[in-house]
Protein backbone atom coordinates (compact mmCIF):
# COMPACT_ATOMS: atom_id res chain seq x y z
CA MET A 1 0.09 0.20 0.12
CA ASP A 2 1.43 3.10 -0.85
CA SER A 3 -0.31 5.46 1.21
CA SER A 4 -2.23 4.57 4.66
CA PRO A 5 -3.67 7.48 7.13
CA SER A 6 -2.14 9.28 9.67
CA LEU A 7 -1.59 12.18 12.07
CA VAL A 8 1.48 13.16 10.52
CA GLU A 9 1.86 16.19 9.64
CA ASP A 10 4.04 18.52 7.56
CA ARG A 11 3.38 22.36 7.21
CA SER A 12 4.58 24.57 9.39
CA ARG A 13 1.60 25.92 10.74
CA ASN A 14 0.67 22.82 12.42
CA ALA A 15 4.52 22.42 13.15
CA VAL A 16 4.01 25.67 15.29
CA VAL A 17 1.40 24.46 17.08
CA SER A 18 2.07 21.14 17.88
CA TRP A 19 4.94 21.91 19.17
CA SER A 20 3.68 24.84 21.43
CA LEU A 21 1.79 21.83 22.65
CA VAL A 22 5.06 20.03 22.99
CA ALA A 23 6.67 22.73 24.78
CA VAL A 24 3.29 22.79 27.20
CA LEU A 25 3.57 19.10 27.56
CA SER A 26 7.21 19.19 29.13
CA VAL A 27 6.15 21.36 31.45
CA VAL A 28 3.88 19.48 32.53
CA VAL A 29 6.25 16.70 33.05
CA VAL A 30 8.30 18.71 35.39
CA LEU A 31 5.33 19.25 36.96
CA ASP A 32 4.56 16.20 37.56
CA VAL A 33 7.98 15.46 38.47
CA LEU A 34 8.21 17.77 40.91
CA ARG A 35 4.74 17.31 43.20
CA GLY A 36 5.55 13.23 43.33
CA ASP A 37 3.10 12.12 40.66
CA LEU A 38 6.20 10.56 38.74
CA LEU A 39 3.20 8.01 37.43
CA TRP A 40 1.86 10.95 35.18
CA ALA A 41 5.19 12.13 34.50
CA VAL A 42 5.94 8.88 33.09
CA PHE A 43 2.58 8.89 30.93
CA THR A 44 3.00 12.97 29.81
CA ALA A 45 6.91 12.06 28.85
CA VAL A 46 5.89 9.01 26.56
CA VAL A 47 3.36 11.25 24.74
CA VAL A 48 6.00 13.71 24.66
CA ALA A 49 8.25 11.49 22.81
CA VAL A 50 5.18 9.88 20.76
CA ALA A 51 4.70 13.44 19.76
CA ALA A 52 8.18 14.50 18.81
CA LEU A 53 9.43 10.50 16.87
CA PRO A 54 8.08 11.90 14.08
CA ALA A 55 10.97 15.05 13.37
CA VAL A 56 13.28 12.44 14.93
CA VAL A 57 13.12 10.18 11.98
CA THR A 58 13.04 11.81 9.64
CA ARG A 59 15.50 14.70 10.88
CA ASP A 60 12.80 17.76 10.01
CA ARG A 61 11.67 19.73 12.70
CA SER A 62 8.33 20.28 10.49
CA VAL A 63 7.04 16.34 10.38
CA VAL A 64 5.44 16.63 13.53
CA VAL A 65 1.84 15.02 15.03
CA SER A 66 -1.19 16.83 13.94
CA TRP A 67 -2.32 19.51 16.18
CA GLU A 68 -5.15 18.74 16.71
CA ALA A 69 -4.82 14.93 17.81
CA LEU A 70 -1.84 16.31 20.39
CA ALA A 71 -4.35 18.97 20.98
CA LEU A 72 -6.81 15.94 22.24
CA ALA A 73 -4.23 14.34 24.31
CA THR A 74 -2.59 17.84 26.15
CA VAL A 75 -6.48 18.83 27.31
CA PRO A 76 -7.09 15.91 29.60
CA LEU A 77 -3.01 16.19 31.38
CA VAL A 78 -3.45 20.10 31.93
CA ALA A 79 -6.78 19.53 33.83
CA ARG A 80 -5.68 17.04 35.70
CA LEU A 81 -2.54 18.93 36.66
CA ALA A 82 -4.69 22.11 37.18
CA GLY A 83 -6.97 19.87 39.73
CA ARG A 84 -10.04 19.22 37.34
CA SER A 85 -9.32 15.63 36.57
CA VAL A 86 -11.99 13.44 35.10
CA GLU A 87 -10.97 10.55 34.89
CA LEU A 88 -12.85 9.55 31.57
CA LEU A 89 -10.75 11.99 29.75
CA THR A 90 -7.53 11.16 30.80
CA TYR A 91 -8.81 8.12 28.28
CA VAL A 92 -8.35 10.42 26.05
CA SER A 93 -4.87 10.56 25.94
CA VAL A 94 -4.78 7.03 26.24
CA ALA A 95 -6.28 7.12 22.76
CA THR A 96 -4.96 9.32 21.49
CA LEU A 97 -1.57 8.17 22.32
CA ALA A 98 -2.48 4.57 21.19
CA LEU A 99 -3.50 6.08 17.69
CA LEU A 100 -0.38 7.44 17.54
CA VAL A 101 1.94 4.86 17.74
CA ALA A 102 -0.74 3.03 15.69
CA LEU A 103 0.03 5.79 12.67
CA GLU A 104 4.02 6.33 13.24
CA ILE A 105 4.09 2.46 12.95
CA VAL A 106 2.74 3.02 9.76
CA ALA A 107 4.07 5.90 8.54
CA PHE A 108 7.70 4.99 9.12
CA THR A 109 8.05 0.99 8.72
CA ASP A 110 6.87 -1.34 6.18
CA ALA A 111 3.98 -2.47 8.42
CA GLU A 112 0.35 -1.56 6.86
CA MET A 113 -2.22 -1.19 9.22
CA PRO A 114 -6.03 -0.46 7.62
CA PRO A 115 -7.98 2.70 9.31
CA TRP A 116 -10.18 -0.04 11.01
CA PHE A 117 -7.69 -1.79 12.33
CA ALA A 118 -5.96 1.01 14.02
CA VAL A 119 -9.37 2.27 14.97
CA THR A 120 -10.03 -1.59 17.00
CA PHE A 121 -6.63 -0.50 18.01
CA VAL A 122 -7.12 2.64 20.06
CA VAL A 123 -10.41 0.99 21.27
CA MET A 124 -8.82 -1.85 22.90
CA THR A 125 -6.00 -0.18 24.39
CA THR A 126 -8.03 2.53 25.95
CA MET A 127 -9.92 -0.64 27.31
CA THR A 128 -6.64 -2.27 28.34
CA VAL A 129 -5.45 0.89 30.31
CA ALA A 130 -8.87 1.24 32.00
CA ALA A 131 -8.48 -2.40 33.53
CA LEU A 132 -4.86 -2.78 34.59
CA TRP A 133 -5.25 0.98 35.70
CA ALA A 134 -8.37 -0.70 38.29
CA VAL A 135 -5.78 -3.95 38.61
CA VAL A 136 -3.24 -0.93 39.70
CA GLN A 137 -5.57 0.33 41.82
CA TYR A 138 -6.81 -2.65 43.34
CA HIS A 139 -3.54 -3.67 44.84
CA ALA A 140 -3.21 -0.58 46.03
CA ASP A 141 -6.24 -0.43 47.90
CA ALA A 142 -5.21 -4.47 49.29
CA LEU A 143 -1.18 -3.94 49.84
CA LEU A 144 -0.96 0.02 50.93
CA GLY A 145 -4.48 0.48 52.86
CA THR A 146 -5.74 3.19 49.61
CA GLU A 147 -9.29 3.84 49.34
CA LEU A 148 -8.79 4.28 45.55
CA LEU A 149 -11.67 2.28 44.77
CA SER A 150 -15.18 3.24 45.90
CA SER A 151 -17.29 0.17 45.06
CA ARG A 152 -17.27 -2.58 42.43
CA THR A 153 -19.83 -0.38 41.06
CA ALA A 154 -18.26 2.38 40.30
CA LEU A 155 -15.38 0.03 38.68
CA MET A 156 -17.62 -1.26 36.67
CA TRP A 157 -19.18 1.79 35.38
CA ASP A 158 -15.60 3.38 34.80
CA LEU A 159 -14.40 0.75 32.79
CA LEU A 160 -17.73 1.40 30.75
CA GLY A 161 -17.19 4.80 30.56
CA ALA A 162 -13.90 3.93 29.24
CA THR A 163 -14.58 1.64 27.06
CA GLY A 164 -17.11 4.28 25.53
CA VAL A 165 -14.40 7.32 25.24
CA GLY A 166 -12.07 4.58 23.21
CA ILE A 167 -15.95 3.72 20.61
CA ALA A 168 -16.05 7.37 20.56
CA ALA A 169 -12.48 8.60 19.57
CA GLY A 170 -12.25 5.64 17.14
CA VAL A 171 -15.24 7.40 15.55
CA VAL A 172 -13.57 10.85 15.10
CA PHE A 173 -10.31 9.06 14.17
CA GLU A 174 -12.29 7.44 11.30
CA PHE A 175 -13.40 10.71 10.09
CA TYR A 176 -10.08 12.34 10.64
CA PHE A 177 -8.64 9.12 8.69
CA LEU A 178 -11.16 10.37 5.62
CA ARG A 179 -9.48 13.61 5.17
CA THR A 180 -5.46 12.77 6.05
CA THR A 181 -3.12 10.47 4.35
CA VAL A 182 0.17 9.40 4.08
CA PRO A 183 3.60 7.99 2.17
CA ARG A 184 6.22 5.80 3.96
CA ASP A 185 7.95 9.01 5.04
CA GLY A 186 5.46 10.26 7.02
CA ARG A 187 5.23 13.25 4.36
CA VAL A 188 1.34 14.23 4.25
CA THR A 189 -0.94 17.02 3.97
CA SER A 190 -4.96 17.08 4.20
CA GLY A 191 -7.33 16.26 1.90
CA GLY A 192 -5.59 13.18 0.25
CA GLU A 193 -2.43 14.67 -1.27
CA THR A 194 0.84 13.99 -0.75
CA ASP A 195 3.83 16.11 -0.93
CA GLY A 196 5.83 14.56 -3.52
């Protein structure tokens, strides 16, 4: 397959906005470390690394993930840092990160992944992270005496919510696929026109 959907774009305006969001996320990493919130610092650092990966691979600062996708990952992380955390919004960051990873694999390797598989990957990864987080919370409650899980009913609703967020994110990304394509070198333009 010569071209595949992606969220990697090389327009200069996109690069300016995306690198600004990477700078914001870098500040969030530092603040999380200073607050002792290492789990979130690591997660945010992974988002930063994935966002910067296309520029590193191509050695071109203008090749960077789309600002829309990066904003979708950034807003919940900044909101959480500001004390306005909604756990379901956090899964939007997870879903966005999963999609970025899938699409960067397609853009920068010989792997071929149809859009439906990328969307399924996003949904499944979001659900997996939610379940893993529930296991971590359970063990923290059992071993450390924390009270992270209020009830089984709340846990089930949280898992259902994470699944819903993953599905909704998958639908949104499917519409994004319809207007964006990427050749093997990772460079794309909107509307399906690739740079030559």
